[in-house]
C-alpha atoms as a PDB file:
ATOM      1  CA  GLN A   1      -5.552   0.885  26.395  1.00  0.00           C
ATOM      2  CA  VAL A   2      -4.402   1.936  22.961  1.00  0.00           C
ATOM      3  CA  GLN A   3      -6.587   4.459  21.174  1.00  0.00           C
ATOM      4  CA  LEU A   4      -6.164   5.781  17.656  1.00  0.00           C
ATOM      5  CA  VAL A   5      -8.550   8.539  16.665  1.00  0.00           C
ATOM      6  CA  GLU A   6      -8.693   9.646  13.043  1.00  0.00           C
ATOM      7  CA  SER A   7     -10.063  12.939  11.814  1.00  0.00           C
ATOM      8  CA  GLY A   8     -10.039  15.087   8.705  1.00  0.00           C
ATOM      9  CA  GLY A   9     -12.045  12.997   6.286  1.00  0.00           C
ATOM     10  CA  GLY A  10     -14.859  14.387   4.194  1.00  0.00           C
ATOM     11  CA  LEU A  11     -16.209  15.079   0.735  1.00  0.00           C
ATOM     12  CA  VAL A  12     -13.957  16.794  -1.787  1.00  0.00           C
ATOM     13  CA  GLN A  13     -13.956  17.329  -5.528  1.00  0.00           C
ATOM     14  CA  ALA A  14     -11.418  15.618  -7.744  1.00  0.00           C
ATOM     15  CA  GLY A  15      -8.163  17.550  -7.704  1.00  0.00           C
ATOM     16  CA  GLY A  16      -8.757  18.774  -4.174  1.00  0.00           C
ATOM     17  CA  SER A  17      -6.866  18.126  -0.962  1.00  0.00           C
ATOM     18  CA  LEU A  18      -7.508  16.729   2.479  1.00  0.00           C
ATOM     19  CA  ARG A  19      -5.319  16.247   5.523  1.00  0.00           C
ATOM     20  CA  LEU A  20      -6.003  13.293   7.772  1.00  0.00           C
ATOM     21  CA  SER A  21      -4.825  13.198  11.370  1.00  0.00           C
ATOM     22  CA  CYS A  22      -4.516  10.299  13.772  1.00  0.00           C
ATOM     23  CA  ALA A  23      -4.031  11.013  17.457  1.00  0.00           C
ATOM     24  CA  ALA A  24      -2.603   8.124  19.448  1.00  0.00           C
ATOM     25  CA  SER A  25      -2.793   7.429  23.157  1.00  0.00           C
ATOM     26  CA  GLY A  26      -1.873   4.525  25.418  1.00  0.00           C
ATOM     27  CA  ILE A  27       1.104   3.572  23.272  1.00  0.00           C
ATOM     28  CA  SER A  28       4.782   4.472  23.094  1.00  0.00           C
ATOM     29  CA  PHE A  29       4.235   6.543  19.987  1.00  0.00           C
ATOM     30  CA  SER A  30       7.799   7.588  19.246  1.00  0.00           C
ATOM     31  CA  VAL A  31       8.955   3.979  18.885  1.00  0.00           C
ATOM     32  CA  SER A  32       5.888   2.807  16.965  1.00  0.00           C
ATOM     33  CA  ASP A  33       5.700   2.389  13.235  1.00  0.00           C
ATOM     34  CA  MET A  34       2.607   4.170  11.958  1.00  0.00           C
ATOM     35  CA  GLY A  35       0.584   3.784   8.808  1.00  0.00           C
ATOM     36  CA  TRP A  36      -2.510   4.660   6.853  1.00  0.00           C
ATOM     37  CA  TYR A  37      -4.618   2.016   5.156  1.00  0.00           C
ATOM     38  CA  ARG A  38      -7.845   2.298   3.211  1.00  0.00           C
ATOM     39  CA  GLN A  39     -10.766   0.111   2.282  1.00  0.00           C
ATOM     40  CA  ALA A  40     -13.146   0.841  -0.553  1.00  0.00           C
ATOM     41  CA  PRO A  41     -16.581  -0.838  -0.761  1.00  0.00           C
ATOM     42  CA  GLY A  42     -16.253  -4.434  -1.878  1.00  0.00           C
ATOM     43  CA  LYS A  43     -12.456  -4.354  -1.731  1.00  0.00           C
ATOM     44  CA  GLN A  44      -9.810  -5.512   0.694  1.00  0.00           C
ATOM     45  CA  ARG A  45      -8.050  -3.127   3.009  1.00  0.00           C
ATOM     46  CA  GLU A  46      -4.821  -1.895   1.416  1.00  0.00           C
ATOM     47  CA  LEU A  47      -1.726  -0.086   2.550  1.00  0.00           C
ATOM     48  CA  VAL A  48      -1.539   3.568   1.562  1.00  0.00           C
ATOM     49  CA  ALA A  49       1.550   4.838   3.386  1.00  0.00           C
ATOM     50  CA  THR A  50       3.747   3.989   6.344  1.00  0.00           C
ATOM     51  CA  ILE A  51       6.294   5.842   8.418  1.00  0.00           C
ATOM     52  CA  THR A  52       8.662   4.085  10.766  1.00  0.00           C
ATOM     53  CA  SER A  53       9.939   5.280  14.105  1.00  0.00           C
ATOM     54  CA  ALA A  54      13.106   6.216  12.207  1.00  0.00           C
ATOM     55  CA  VAL A  55      10.948   8.337   9.853  1.00  0.00           C
ATOM     56  CA  ARG A  56      11.404   6.120   6.840  1.00  0.00           C
ATOM     57  CA  THR A  57       8.392   6.300   4.561  1.00  0.00           C
ATOM     58  CA  ASN A  58       6.769   3.946   2.107  1.00  0.00           C
ATOM     59  CA  TYR A  59       3.867   4.576  -0.274  1.00  0.00           C
ATOM     60  CA  LYS A  60       1.451   2.680  -2.443  1.00  0.00           C
ATOM     61  CA  ASP A  61       2.534   3.296  -6.027  1.00  0.00           C
ATOM     62  CA  SER A  62      -0.705   4.999  -7.041  1.00  0.00           C
ATOM     63  CA  VAL A  63      -0.366   7.700  -4.357  1.00  0.00           C
ATOM     64  CA  LYS A  64       3.326   8.487  -4.761  1.00  0.00           C
ATOM     65  CA  GLY A  65       3.828  12.165  -5.488  1.00  0.00           C
ATOM     66  CA  ARG A  66       0.309  13.008  -4.308  1.00  0.00           C
ATOM     67  CA  PHE A  67       0.194  11.850  -0.664  1.00  0.00           C
ATOM     68  CA  THR A  68       2.650  12.623   2.124  1.00  0.00           C
ATOM     69  CA  ILE A  69       2.789  10.866   5.478  1.00  0.00           C
ATOM     70  CA  SER A  70       4.390  12.592   8.444  1.00  0.00           C
ATOM     71  CA  ARG A  71       4.494  12.342  12.203  1.00  0.00           C
ATOM     72  CA  ASP A  72       4.804  14.640  15.201  1.00  0.00           C
ATOM     73  CA  ASN A  73       6.094  12.679  18.172  1.00  0.00           C
ATOM     74  CA  ALA A  74       5.516  15.630  20.513  1.00  0.00           C
ATOM     75  CA  LYS A  75       1.803  15.444  19.694  1.00  0.00           C
ATOM     76  CA  ASN A  76       1.571  11.650  19.303  1.00  0.00           C
ATOM     77  CA  THR A  77       0.002  12.289  15.923  1.00  0.00           C
ATOM     78  CA  VAL A  78       0.497  10.977  12.406  1.00  0.00           C
ATOM     79  CA  TYR A  79      -0.760  12.837   9.353  1.00  0.00           C
ATOM     80  CA  LEU A  80      -1.620  12.039   5.770  1.00  0.00           C
ATOM     81  CA  GLN A  81      -1.627  14.998   3.408  1.00  0.00           C
ATOM     82  CA  MET A  82      -3.572  14.044   0.309  1.00  0.00           C
ATOM     83  CA  ASN A  83      -3.331  16.255  -2.781  1.00  0.00           C
ATOM     84  CA  SER A  84      -4.650  15.885  -6.320  1.00  0.00           C
ATOM     85  CA  LEU A  85      -7.324  13.527  -5.066  1.00  0.00           C
ATOM     86  CA  LYS A  86      -9.028  11.200  -7.519  1.00  0.00           C
ATOM     87  CA  PRO A  87     -12.386   9.427  -7.347  1.00  0.00           C
ATOM     88  CA  GLU A  88     -10.510   6.133  -6.954  1.00  0.00           C
ATOM     89  CA  ASP A  89      -9.116   7.433  -3.647  1.00  0.00           C
ATOM     90  CA  THR A  90     -12.614   7.171  -2.182  1.00  0.00           C
ATOM     91  CA  ALA A  91     -12.501   4.815   0.800  1.00  0.00           C
ATOM     92  CA  VAL A  92     -12.550   4.578   4.563  1.00  0.00           C
ATOM     93  CA  TYR A  93      -9.061   5.464   5.762  1.00  0.00           C
ATOM     94  CA  TYR A  94      -7.699   3.717   8.830  1.00  0.00           C
ATOM     95  CA  CYS A  95      -4.784   4.627  11.046  1.00  0.00           C
ATOM     96  CA  ASN A  96      -2.486   1.787  12.140  1.00  0.00           C
ATOM     97  CA  ALA A  97       0.122   1.523  14.854  1.00  0.00           C
ATOM     98  CA  HIS A  98       2.602  -1.337  14.850  1.00  0.00           C
ATOM     99  CA  LEU A  99       4.678  -2.051  17.943  1.00  0.00           C
ATOM    100  CA  PHE A 100       6.341  -5.228  19.191  1.00  0.00           C
ATOM    101  CA  ARG A 101       4.445  -7.482  16.748  1.00  0.00           C
ATOM    102  CA  SER A 102       1.085  -5.989  17.710  1.00  0.00           C
ATOM    103  CA  ASP A 103      -1.174  -3.980  15.464  1.00  0.00           C
ATOM    104  CA  TYR A 104      -3.702  -1.407  16.570  1.00  0.00           C
ATOM    105  CA  TRP A 105      -6.397   0.266  14.457  1.00  0.00           C
ATOM    106  CA  GLY A 106      -8.493   3.361  14.552  1.00  0.00           C
ATOM    107  CA  GLN A 107     -12.184   3.445  13.757  1.00  0.00           C
ATOM    108  CA  GLY A 108     -11.666   4.925  10.310  1.00  0.00           C
ATOM    109  CA  THR A 109     -12.601   8.134   8.576  1.00  0.00           C
ATOM    110  CA  GLN A 110     -14.511   8.381   5.298  1.00  0.00           C
ATOM    111  CA  VAL A 111     -12.928  10.112   2.329  1.00  0.00           C
ATOM    112  CA  THR A 112     -15.161  10.676  -0.678  1.00  0.00           C
ATOM    113  CA  VAL A 113     -13.840  12.225  -3.883  1.00  0.00           C
ATOM    114  CA  SER A 114     -16.436  13.340  -6.395  1.00  0.00           C
ATOM    115  CA  SER A 115     -15.713  13.537 -10.099  1.00  0.00           C
END
């Protein structure tokens, strides 16, 4: 059974930083493409950043230069370092694993940025 467990969310002031972690189990992590998505109230879930098994990264335009996605295959963990946070970054952040045409999701972690 695949499990993705996010942590690291919280309340931060605008301009602050947070680091999200997602620990994966029950999946071949090193060959999985991993990603972070977010969903704000009343909005659709959107892609924030992805990192492939080959460590190629992709970012939503509005987070480029502020967020960094990384992975540690030895720890089966993917990270999202978020700097210079803005109130519009407020959302529930979800970890995603993509492997062999299947998608798996974590339960989400709340990030709230106050102005």
